[in-house]
Amino acid sequence: MDTQNPSVPAHAQSGVAGNRHPNRHPHSGGLTHDNTRHTSHFTVIGNHLAQHRELSLVAMGLALHIQSLPTGTRVDIKTLAARFPEGATWIAAALRELEAHGYLRRPRERIPGGRIVTRTISCNQPGSSRTPAPGPRRPAAHKPPTRRKPLPAVPQPIAPSPTLLQTATDLLAGLRRHDPRLLISACDTAHLAPGVAAWLERDVSPTAVRHALTDDLPPEGLHRPAALLAHRLTAHLPPPPPFRAPAASPPEAVRHPLQTCDGCDRAFRAPTPGRCRDCRTDLTEAT
């Protein structure tokens, strides 16, 4: 980038006659400038870059070179490495330094045809551009998963046997055959199964339970079918069957004491002494 700027004052004139700085000793050592004012082919570099306290010399020199180039010049790592002896590793590190401090921006853009290219934008005074230099990309914040509202509680059976719960689970799994909207997850099925078991325990047939859960469903879409089923299992729970007294057990047989038969001296059980059954039979036949 060749810029003619004759208005830029020179830091010092060459061939200065006389002692114009009486406070400076000519033999005090240190730096002196022998400057000639540029009137063409020069680049203005700010002291914020030339005296930067955090940039390396390679980065400052590379920034100086880039700012002196005309628009459209390639400044990718391969091109710069072919131009300078520092090599690709040093040049890549210097470019990262300049990008971190705002002297370069390297946005990626999609060009016609779908190919993605990297543009390099040189900024001779970071902070003055309307477009802020992009900072390092931060990973997107992890959004916690939305926790669903728990299902309403359902009735619980008095005696939740494995067979009863399995019947209830099978009934719930088959509801989708009657209405595809009643397809529920395994977790929701496990929550609802005790409620169905409570109905079955009250002498309600599986067919009646299924009708109670599937009849008169709203015509619009079901936002959460498991919540509707839980509501119906609780709100329409039938009363328990009437109490049935257990049948009376037959009277326990009376155990008579042992007696000695008067006819044959054998032992037999009878409430009073006498003859055994065989002796009474023989006596009856003899008479």
C-alpha atoms as a PDB file:
ATOM      1  CA  MET A   1       0.000   0.000   0.000  1.00  0.00           C
ATOM      2  CA  ASP A   2       1.989   3.028  -1.302  1.00  0.00           C
ATOM      3  CA  THR A   3       0.605   6.175   0.293  1.00  0.00           C
ATOM      4  CA  GLN A   4       1.719   9.647  -0.521  1.00  0.00           C
ATOM      5  CA  ASN A   5       1.317  11.780   2.563  1.00  0.00           C
ATOM      6  CA  PRO A   6       3.478  14.902   2.363  1.00  0.00           C
ATOM      7  CA  SER A   7       1.653  16.402   5.338  1.00  0.00           C
ATOM      8  CA  VAL A   8       3.170  13.936   7.737  1.00  0.00           C
ATOM      9  CA  PRO A   9       5.864  15.813   9.718  1.00  0.00           C
ATOM     10  CA  ALA A  10       9.284  14.292   9.901  1.00  0.00           C
ATOM     11  CA  HIS A  11      10.535  13.243  13.298  1.00  0.00           C
ATOM     12  CA  ALA A  12      13.879  14.930  12.581  1.00  0.00           C
ATOM     13  CA  GLN A  13      15.668  16.522   9.680  1.00  0.00           C
ATOM     14  CA  SER A  14      18.924  15.226   8.316  1.00  0.00           C
ATOM     15  CA  GLY A  15      21.949  17.448   8.406  1.00  0.00           C
ATOM     16  CA  VAL A  16      20.719  19.557  11.323  1.00  0.00           C
ATOM     17  CA  ALA A  17      23.154  22.427  11.753  1.00  0.00           C
ATOM     18  CA  GLY A  18      24.021  23.720  15.124  1.00  0.00           C
ATOM     19  CA  ASN A  19      22.964  22.515  18.522  1.00  0.00           C
ATOM     20  CA  ARG A  20      19.155  22.761  18.536  1.00  0.00           C
ATOM     21  CA  HIS A  21      18.847  20.511  21.606  1.00  0.00           C
ATOM     22  CA  PRO A  22      21.065  22.096  24.238  1.00  0.00           C
ATOM     23  CA  ASN A  23      19.868  19.648  26.879  1.00  0.00           C
ATOM     24  CA  ARG A  24      21.165  16.667  24.925  1.00  0.00           C
ATOM     25  CA  HIS A  25      24.824  15.856  25.185  1.00  0.00           C
ATOM     26  CA  PRO A  26      26.197  14.772  21.788  1.00  0.00           C
ATOM     27  CA  HIS A  27      28.219  12.017  23.379  1.00  0.00           C
ATOM     28  CA  SER A  28      25.613  10.686  25.870  1.00  0.00           C
ATOM     29  CA  GLY A  29      25.082   7.478  23.866  1.00  0.00           C
ATOM     30  CA  GLY A  30      21.706   5.886  23.039  1.00  0.00           C
ATOM     31  CA  LEU A  31      19.649   6.184  19.900  1.00  0.00           C
ATOM     32  CA  THR A  32      19.718   9.117  17.480  1.00  0.00           C
ATOM     33  CA  HIS A  33      17.703   9.482  14.301  1.00  0.00           C
ATOM     34  CA  ASP A  34      19.001  10.415  10.901  1.00  0.00           C
ATOM     35  CA  ASN A  35      15.645  10.842   9.192  1.00  0.00           C
ATOM     36  CA  THR A  36      14.632  12.016   5.772  1.00  0.00           C
ATOM     37  CA  ARG A  37      11.083  13.107   5.193  1.00  0.00           C
ATOM     38  CA  HIS A  38       9.132  10.718   2.934  1.00  0.00           C
ATOM     39  CA  THR A  39       7.021  12.294   0.236  1.00  0.00           C
ATOM     40  CA  SER A  40       6.002   9.082  -1.571  1.00  0.00           C
ATOM     41  CA  HIS A  41       6.045   5.307  -1.172  1.00  0.00           C
ATOM     42  CA  PHE A  42       5.642   5.237   2.579  1.00  0.00           C
ATOM     43  CA  THR A  43       3.303   3.661   5.124  1.00  0.00           C
ATOM     44  CA  VAL A  44       2.121   5.298   8.342  1.00  0.00           C
ATOM     45  CA  ILE A  45       2.563   3.007  11.324  1.00  0.00           C
ATOM     46  CA  GLY A  46       1.243   3.950  14.743  1.00  0.00           C
ATOM     47  CA  ASN A  47       3.454   3.732  17.800  1.00  0.00           C
ATOM     48  CA  HIS A  48       0.751   1.528  19.367  1.00  0.00           C
ATOM     49  CA  LEU A  49       2.034  -1.128  16.962  1.00  0.00           C
ATOM     50  CA  ALA A  50       5.702  -0.190  16.682  1.00  0.00           C
ATOM     51  CA  GLN A  51       6.099  -0.068  20.470  1.00  0.00           C
ATOM     52  CA  HIS A  52       3.553  -2.740  21.425  1.00  0.00           C
ATOM     53  CA  ARG A  53       4.580  -4.404  24.672  1.00  0.00           C
ATOM     54  CA  GLU A  54       2.869  -7.738  24.093  1.00  0.00           C
ATOM     55  CA  LEU A  55       3.481  -8.491  20.427  1.00  0.00           C
ATOM     56  CA  SER A  56       6.596 -10.351  19.369  1.00  0.00           C
ATOM     57  CA  LEU A  57       9.049  -8.793  16.929  1.00  0.00           C
ATOM     58  CA  VAL A  58       7.904 -11.275  14.290  1.00  0.00           C
ATOM     59  CA  ALA A  59       4.266 -10.205  14.755  1.00  0.00           C
ATOM     60  CA  MET A  60       5.134  -6.481  14.660  1.00  0.00           C
ATOM     61  CA  GLY A  61       7.244  -6.929  11.555  1.00  0.00           C
ATOM     62  CA  LEU A  62       4.553  -9.001   9.874  1.00  0.00           C
ATOM     63  CA  ALA A  63       1.933  -6.358  10.707  1.00  0.00           C
ATOM     64  CA  LEU A  64       4.194  -3.694   9.186  1.00  0.00           C
ATOM     65  CA  HIS A  65       4.571  -5.762   6.031  1.00  0.00           C
ATOM     66  CA  ILE A  66       0.840  -6.483   5.718  1.00  0.00           C
ATOM     67  CA  GLN A  67      -0.131  -2.837   6.230  1.00  0.00           C
ATOM     68  CA  SER A  68       2.242  -1.840   3.452  1.00  0.00           C
ATOM     69  CA  LEU A  69       0.659  -4.203   0.893  1.00  0.00           C
ATOM     70  CA  PRO A  70      -1.956  -3.106  -1.648  1.00  0.00           C
ATOM     71  CA  THR A  71      -5.501  -4.375  -1.411  1.00  0.00           C
ATOM     72  CA  GLY A  72      -5.978  -7.808  -2.916  1.00  0.00           C
ATOM     73  CA  THR A  73      -2.532  -9.155  -2.092  1.00  0.00           C
ATOM     74  CA  ARG A  74      -2.507 -12.743  -0.826  1.00  0.00           C
ATOM     75  CA  VAL A  75      -1.350 -12.942   2.794  1.00  0.00           C
ATOM     76  CA  ASP A  76      -2.057 -16.577   3.603  1.00  0.00           C
ATOM     77  CA  ILE A  77       0.494 -18.585   5.564  1.00  0.00           C
ATOM     78  CA  LYS A  78       1.839 -20.403   2.499  1.00  0.00           C
ATOM     79  CA  THR A  79       2.417 -17.164   0.586  1.00  0.00           C
ATOM     80  CA  LEU A  80       4.073 -15.416   3.541  1.00  0.00           C
ATOM     81  CA  ALA A  81       6.255 -18.449   4.310  1.00  0.00           C
ATOM     82  CA  ALA A  82       7.525 -18.359   0.742  1.00  0.00           C
ATOM     83  CA  ARG A  83       8.364 -14.681   1.177  1.00  0.00           C
ATOM     84  CA  PHE A  84      10.108 -14.720   4.570  1.00  0.00           C
ATOM     85  CA  PRO A  85      12.671 -17.053   6.149  1.00  0.00           C
ATOM     86  CA  GLU A  86      10.842 -17.484   9.435  1.00  0.00           C
ATOM     87  CA  GLY A  87       8.780 -20.364   8.080  1.00  0.00           C
ATOM     88  CA  ALA A  88       5.109 -21.382   8.368  1.00  0.00           C
ATOM     89  CA  THR A  89       5.144 -22.116  12.119  1.00  0.00           C
ATOM     90  CA  TRP A  90       6.456 -18.693  13.155  1.00  0.00           C
ATOM     91  CA  ILE A  91       4.249 -16.884  10.656  1.00  0.00           C
ATOM     92  CA  ALA A  92       1.108 -18.750  11.781  1.00  0.00           C
ATOM     93  CA  ALA A  93       1.867 -17.859  15.399  1.00  0.00           C
ATOM     94  CA  ALA A  94       2.449 -14.202  14.457  1.00  0.00           C
ATOM     95  CA  LEU A  95      -0.850 -14.047  12.587  1.00  0.00           C
ATOM     96  CA  ARG A  96      -2.627 -15.419  15.651  1.00  0.00           C
ATOM     97  CA  GLU A  97      -0.987 -12.726  17.802  1.00  0.00           C
ATOM     98  CA  LEU A  98      -2.123  -9.968  15.446  1.00  0.00           C
ATOM     99  CA  GLU A  99      -5.636 -11.418  15.350  1.00  0.00           C
ATOM    100  CA  ALA A 100      -5.797 -11.621  19.147  1.00  0.00           C
ATOM    101  CA  HIS A 101      -4.785  -7.946  19.488  1.00  0.00           C
ATOM    102  CA  GLY A 102      -7.142  -6.688  16.791  1.00  0.00           C
ATOM    103  CA  TYR A 103      -4.655  -5.947  13.986  1.00  0.00           C
ATOM    104  CA  LEU A 104      -6.154  -8.687  11.818  1.00  0.00           C
ATOM    105  CA  ARG A 105      -9.594 -10.126  11.271  1.00  0.00           C
ATOM    106  CA  ARG A 106      -9.983 -13.362   9.356  1.00  0.00           C
ATOM    107  CA  PRO A 107     -13.691 -14.076   8.784  1.00  0.00           C
ATOM    108  CA  ARG A 108     -14.750 -17.137   6.791  1.00  0.00           C
ATOM    109  CA  GLU A 109     -17.256 -16.531   4.014  1.00  0.00           C
ATOM    110  CA  ARG A 110     -19.090 -18.684   1.490  1.00  0.00           C
ATOM    111  CA  ILE A 111     -18.569 -17.551  -2.072  1.00  0.00           C
ATOM    112  CA  PRO A 112     -20.752 -18.332  -5.124  1.00  0.00           C
ATOM    113  CA  GLY A 113     -20.388 -21.993  -5.880  1.00  0.00           C
ATOM    114  CA  GLY A 114     -20.490 -23.017  -2.224  1.00  0.00           C
ATOM    115  CA  ARG A 115     -16.767 -22.859  -1.470  1.00  0.00           C
ATOM    116  CA  ILE A 116     -15.734 -21.315   1.869  1.00  0.00           C
ATOM    117  CA  VAL A 117     -12.805 -18.890   1.840  1.00  0.00           C
ATOM    118  CA  THR A 118     -11.022 -16.901   4.525  1.00  0.00           C
ATOM    119  CA  ARG A 119     -10.781 -13.137   4.085  1.00  0.00           C
ATOM    120  CA  THR A 120      -7.968 -11.220   5.777  1.00  0.00           C
ATOM    121  CA  ILE A 121      -8.751  -7.691   6.963  1.00  0.00           C
ATOM    122  CA  SER A 122      -5.852  -5.542   8.190  1.00  0.00           C
ATOM    123  CA  CYS A 123      -6.651  -2.910  10.818  1.00  0.00           C
ATOM    124  CA  ASN A 124      -3.983  -0.244  11.303  1.00  0.00           C
ATOM    125  CA  GLN A 125      -5.574   1.006  14.502  1.00  0.00           C
ATOM    126  CA  PRO A 126      -7.541  -1.592  16.508  1.00  0.00           C
ATOM    127  CA  GLY A 127     -10.673  -0.268  18.141  1.00  0.00           C
ATOM    128  CA  SER A 128     -11.371   2.450  15.590  1.00  0.00           C
ATOM    129  CA  SER A 129     -13.257   0.239  13.115  1.00  0.00           C
ATOM    130  CA  ARG A 130     -17.050   0.079  13.254  1.00  0.00           C
ATOM    131  CA  THR A 131     -16.835  -3.679  12.962  1.00  0.00           C
ATOM    132  CA  PRO A 132     -15.330  -5.028  16.185  1.00  0.00           C
ATOM    133  CA  ALA A 133     -12.636  -7.627  15.946  1.00  0.00           C
ATOM    134  CA  PRO A 134     -14.126 -11.029  16.718  1.00  0.00           C
ATOM    135  CA  GLY A 135     -12.910 -12.586  19.920  1.00  0.00           C
ATOM    136  CA  PRO A 136     -12.197 -16.263  20.388  1.00  0.00           C
ATOM    137  CA  ARG A 137     -15.211 -18.401  19.788  1.00  0.00           C
ATOM    138  CA  ARG A 138     -16.765 -19.740  22.904  1.00  0.00           C
ATOM    139  CA  PRO A 139     -18.506 -23.063  22.874  1.00  0.00           C
ATOM    140  CA  ALA A 140     -22.238 -22.765  22.878  1.00  0.00           C
ATOM    141  CA  ALA A 141     -23.653 -22.882  26.365  1.00  0.00           C
ATOM    142  CA  HIS A 142     -25.196 -26.259  27.101  1.00  0.00           C
ATOM    143  CA  LYS A 143     -28.882 -25.789  27.564  1.00  0.00           C
ATOM    144  CA  PRO A 144     -30.179 -28.101  30.250  1.00  0.00           C
ATOM    145  CA  PRO A 145     -32.930 -30.406  29.043  1.00  0.00           C
ATOM    146  CA  THR A 146     -36.445 -29.307  29.853  1.00  0.00           C
ATOM    147  CA  ARG A 147     -37.792 -31.367  32.708  1.00  0.00           C
ATOM    148  CA  ARG A 148     -41.332 -32.605  32.094  1.00  0.00           C
ATOM    149  CA  LYS A 149     -43.939 -32.206  34.770  1.00  0.00           C
ATOM    150  CA  PRO A 150     -44.416 -35.477  36.704  1.00  0.00           C
ATOM    151  CA  LEU A 151     -47.498 -37.516  35.896  1.00  0.00           C
ATOM    152  CA  PRO A 152     -50.389 -37.314  38.349  1.00  0.00           C
ATOM    153  CA  ALA A 153     -50.550 -40.035  40.981  1.00  0.00           C
ATOM    154  CA  VAL A 154     -52.715 -43.069  40.217  1.00  0.00           C
ATOM    155  CA  PRO A 155     -54.605 -45.463  42.514  1.00  0.00           C
ATOM    156  CA  GLN A 156     -52.588 -48.304  44.004  1.00  0.00           C
ATOM    157  CA  PRO A 157     -53.780 -51.908  44.310  1.00  0.00           C
ATOM    158  CA  ILE A 158     -54.091 -53.512  47.724  1.00  0.00           C
ATOM    159  CA  ALA A 159     -52.302 -56.694  46.634  1.00  0.00           C
ATOM    160  CA  PRO A 160     -50.086 -55.858  43.632  1.00  0.00           C
ATOM    161  CA  SER A 161     -49.237 -59.368  42.508  1.00  0.00           C
ATOM    162  CA  PRO A 162     -46.875 -59.790  39.524  1.00  0.00           C
ATOM    163  CA  THR A 163     -49.668 -61.422  37.499  1.00  0.00           C
ATOM    164  CA  LEU A 164     -52.024 -58.513  38.146  1.00  0.00           C
ATOM    165  CA  LEU A 165     -49.415 -55.916  37.206  1.00  0.00           C
ATOM    166  CA  GLN A 166     -48.474 -57.808  34.040  1.00  0.00           C
ATOM    167  CA  THR A 167     -52.123 -57.906  32.972  1.00  0.00           C
ATOM    168  CA  ALA A 168     -52.343 -54.152  33.588  1.00  0.00           C
ATOM    169  CA  THR A 169     -49.142 -53.527  31.591  1.00  0.00           C
ATOM    170  CA  ASP A 170     -50.391 -55.593  28.655  1.00  0.00           C
ATOM    171  CA  LEU A 171     -53.686 -53.685  28.686  1.00  0.00           C
ATOM    172  CA  LEU A 172     -51.886 -50.322  28.541  1.00  0.00           C
ATOM    173  CA  ALA A 173     -49.565 -51.496  25.772  1.00  0.00           C
ATOM    174  CA  GLY A 174     -52.584 -52.515  23.671  1.00  0.00           C
ATOM    175  CA  LEU A 175     -54.346 -49.143  23.874  1.00  0.00           C
ATOM    176  CA  ARG A 176     -52.509 -47.868  20.786  1.00  0.00           C
ATOM    177  CA  ARG A 177     -54.366 -50.470  18.699  1.00  0.00           C
ATOM    178  CA  HIS A 178     -57.612 -48.691  19.557  1.00  0.00           C
ATOM    179  CA  ASP A 179     -56.248 -45.158  19.192  1.00  0.00           C
ATOM    180  CA  PRO A 180     -52.714 -44.506  17.821  1.00  0.00           C
ATOM    181  CA  ARG A 181     -52.498 -41.378  19.969  1.00  0.00           C
ATOM    182  CA  LEU A 182     -52.351 -43.586  23.068  1.00  0.00           C
ATOM    183  CA  LEU A 183     -48.825 -44.779  22.331  1.00  0.00           C
ATOM    184  CA  ILE A 184     -47.035 -44.246  25.663  1.00  0.00           C
ATOM    185  CA  SER A 185     -43.476 -44.842  26.792  1.00  0.00           C
ATOM    186  CA  ALA A 186     -42.289 -47.733  28.936  1.00  0.00           C
ATOM    187  CA  CYS A 187     -41.640 -45.314  31.817  1.00  0.00           C
ATOM    188  CA  ASP A 188     -45.188 -43.918  31.657  1.00  0.00           C
ATOM    189  CA  THR A 189     -46.586 -47.453  31.369  1.00  0.00           C
ATOM    190  CA  ALA A 190     -44.793 -48.476  34.569  1.00  0.00           C
ATOM    191  CA  HIS A 191     -46.314 -45.441  36.314  1.00  0.00           C
ATOM    192  CA  LEU A 192     -49.861 -46.187  35.119  1.00  0.00           C
ATOM    193  CA  ALA A 193     -49.879 -49.977  35.557  1.00  0.00           C
ATOM    194  CA  PRO A 194     -50.677 -49.906  39.323  1.00  0.00           C
ATOM    195  CA  GLY A 195     -53.700 -47.706  38.567  1.00  0.00           C
ATOM    196  CA  VAL A 196     -55.035 -50.230  36.061  1.00  0.00           C
ATOM    197  CA  ALA A 197     -54.299 -53.030  38.542  1.00  0.00           C
ATOM    198  CA  ALA A 198     -56.417 -51.207  41.147  1.00  0.00           C
ATOM    199  CA  TRP A 199     -59.370 -51.308  38.709  1.00  0.00           C
ATOM    200  CA  LEU A 200     -58.854 -54.995  37.936  1.00  0.00           C
ATOM    201  CA  GLU A 201     -58.658 -55.692  41.647  1.00  0.00           C
ATOM    202  CA  ARG A 202     -62.155 -54.218  42.004  1.00  0.00           C
ATOM    203  CA  ASP A 203     -63.631 -56.889  39.739  1.00  0.00           C
ATOM    204  CA  VAL A 204     -63.619 -54.653  36.640  1.00  0.00           C
ATOM    205  CA  SER A 205     -62.913 -56.644  33.491  1.00  0.00           C
ATOM    206  CA  PRO A 206     -59.996 -55.668  31.228  1.00  0.00           C
ATOM    207  CA  THR A 207     -62.481 -54.803  28.471  1.00  0.00           C
ATOM    208  CA  ALA A 208     -64.332 -52.411  30.779  1.00  0.00           C
ATOM    209  CA  VAL A 209     -61.067 -50.781  31.839  1.00  0.00           C
ATOM    210  CA  ARG A 210     -60.052 -50.316  28.217  1.00  0.00           C
ATOM    211  CA  HIS A 211     -63.371 -48.663  27.357  1.00  0.00           C
ATOM    212  CA  ALA A 212     -63.073 -46.356  30.351  1.00  0.00           C
ATOM    213  CA  LEU A 213     -59.654 -45.212  29.092  1.00  0.00           C
ATOM    214  CA  THR A 214     -60.375 -44.938  25.354  1.00  0.00           C
ATOM    215  CA  ASP A 215     -64.023 -43.841  25.026  1.00  0.00           C
ATOM    216  CA  ASP A 216     -64.905 -40.197  24.357  1.00  0.00           C
ATOM    217  CA  LEU A 217     -61.341 -39.003  23.802  1.00  0.00           C
ATOM    218  CA  PRO A 218     -61.018 -35.389  22.631  1.00  0.00           C
ATOM    219  CA  PRO A 219     -60.910 -35.082  18.821  1.00  0.00           C
ATOM    220  CA  GLU A 220     -57.907 -32.747  18.859  1.00  0.00           C
ATOM    221  CA  GLY A 221     -54.374 -33.953  19.389  1.00  0.00           C
ATOM    222  CA  LEU A 222     -53.398 -35.250  22.807  1.00  0.00           C
ATOM    223  CA  HIS A 223     -50.555 -33.184  24.258  1.00  0.00           C
ATOM    224  CA  ARG A 224     -49.604 -35.861  26.767  1.00  0.00           C
ATOM    225  CA  PRO A 225     -51.744 -39.012  26.588  1.00  0.00           C
ATOM    226  CA  ALA A 226     -50.206 -40.568  29.728  1.00  0.00           C
ATOM    227  CA  ALA A 227     -51.413 -37.604  31.810  1.00  0.00           C
ATOM    228  CA  LEU A 228     -54.959 -38.038  30.445  1.00  0.00           C
ATOM    229  CA  LEU A 229     -54.922 -41.749  31.289  1.00  0.00           C
ATOM    230  CA  ALA A 230     -53.668 -41.036  34.812  1.00  0.00           C
ATOM    231  CA  HIS A 231     -56.510 -38.561  35.292  1.00  0.00           C
ATOM    232  CA  ARG A 232     -59.130 -41.045  34.111  1.00  0.00           C
ATOM    233  CA  LEU A 233     -57.765 -43.858  36.274  1.00  0.00           C
ATOM    234  CA  THR A 234     -58.092 -41.624  39.330  1.00  0.00           C
ATOM    235  CA  ALA A 235     -61.245 -39.644  38.558  1.00  0.00           C
ATOM    236  CA  HIS A 236     -63.341 -42.615  37.388  1.00  0.00           C
ATOM    237  CA  LEU A 237     -62.099 -45.260  39.817  1.00  0.00           C
ATOM    238  CA  PRO A 238     -65.059 -47.527  40.609  1.00  0.00           C
ATOM    239  CA  PRO A 239     -65.943 -48.360  44.202  1.00  0.00           C
ATOM    240  CA  PRO A 240     -64.677 -51.602  45.695  1.00  0.00           C
ATOM    241  CA  PRO A 241     -66.988 -54.634  45.367  1.00  0.00           C
ATOM    242  CA  PRO A 242     -69.442 -55.247  48.206  1.00  0.00           C
ATOM    243  CA  PHE A 243     -68.068 -57.096  51.188  1.00  0.00           C
ATOM    244  CA  ARG A 244     -68.635 -60.828  51.051  1.00  0.00           C
ATOM    245  CA  ALA A 245     -68.426 -62.704  54.362  1.00  0.00           C
ATOM    246  CA  PRO A 246     -66.334 -65.836  54.052  1.00  0.00           C
ATOM    247  CA  ALA A 247     -68.347 -69.083  53.986  1.00  0.00           C
ATOM    248  CA  ALA A 248     -68.653 -70.793  57.365  1.00  0.00           C
ATOM    249  CA  SER A 249     -66.353 -73.742  57.743  1.00  0.00           C
ATOM    250  CA  PRO A 250     -68.007 -77.114  58.425  1.00  0.00           C
ATOM    251  CA  PRO A 251     -68.175 -78.077  62.132  1.00  0.00           C
ATOM    252  CA  GLU A 252     -65.208 -80.027  63.248  1.00  0.00           C
ATOM    253  CA  ALA A 253     -65.965 -83.711  63.710  1.00  0.00           C
ATOM    254  CA  VAL A 254     -66.368 -84.757  67.369  1.00  0.00           C
ATOM    255  CA  ARG A 255     -63.685 -87.175  68.509  1.00  0.00           C
ATOM    256  CA  HIS A 256     -65.320 -89.687  70.912  1.00  0.00           C
ATOM    257  CA  PRO A 257     -63.384 -91.509  73.610  1.00  0.00           C
ATOM    258  CA  LEU A 258     -62.216 -95.091  73.185  1.00  0.00           C
ATOM    259  CA  GLN A 259     -64.565 -97.766  74.534  1.00  0.00           C
ATOM    260  CA  THR A 260     -64.094-101.543  75.044  1.00  0.00           C
ATOM    261  CA  CYS A 261     -66.607-103.624  73.166  1.00  0.00           C
ATOM    262  CA  ASP A 262     -68.749-105.758  75.486  1.00  0.00           C
ATOM    263  CA  GLY A 263     -68.958-108.529  72.874  1.00  0.00           C
ATOM    264  CA  CYS A 264     -65.422-108.886  71.521  1.00  0.00           C
ATOM    265  CA  ASP A 265     -63.295-106.735  73.829  1.00  0.00           C
ATOM    266  CA  ARG A 266     -62.040-104.657  70.899  1.00  0.00           C
ATOM    267  CA  ALA A 267     -61.505-100.931  71.287  1.00  0.00           C
ATOM    268  CA  PHE A 268     -63.813 -98.560  69.429  1.00  0.00           C
ATOM    269  CA  ARG A 269     -64.833 -94.920  69.743  1.00  0.00           C
ATOM    270  CA  ALA A 270     -68.319 -94.153  71.031  1.00  0.00           C
ATOM    271  CA  PRO A 271     -69.889 -91.646  73.399  1.00  0.00           C
ATOM    272  CA  THR A 272     -70.918 -94.462  75.822  1.00  0.00           C
ATOM    273  CA  PRO A 273     -69.795 -98.006  76.561  1.00  0.00           C
ATOM    274  CA  GLY A 274     -71.442-100.857  74.610  1.00  0.00           C
ATOM    275  CA  ARG A 275     -70.785-102.999  71.619  1.00  0.00           C
ATOM    276  CA  CYS A 276     -68.760-102.117  68.511  1.00  0.00           C
ATOM    277  CA  ARG A 277     -70.406-101.859  65.131  1.00  0.00           C
ATOM    278  CA  ASP A 278     -69.592-105.447  64.115  1.00  0.00           C
ATOM    279  CA  CYS A 279     -70.986-106.925  67.314  1.00  0.00           C
ATOM    280  CA  ARG A 280     -74.161-104.862  66.978  1.00  0.00           C
ATOM    281  CA  THR A 281     -74.604-106.137  63.407  1.00  0.00           C
ATOM    282  CA  ASP A 282     -74.131-109.775  64.474  1.00  0.00           C
ATOM    283  CA  LEU A 283     -76.607-109.353  67.297  1.00  0.00           C
ATOM    284  CA  THR A 284     -79.219-107.906  65.002  1.00  0.00           C
ATOM    285  CA  GLU A 285     -78.882-110.735  62.498  1.00  0.00           C
ATOM    286  CA  ALA A 286     -79.222-113.407  65.310  1.00  0.00           C
ATOM    287  CA  THR A 287     -82.484-111.968  66.486  1.00  0.00           C
END
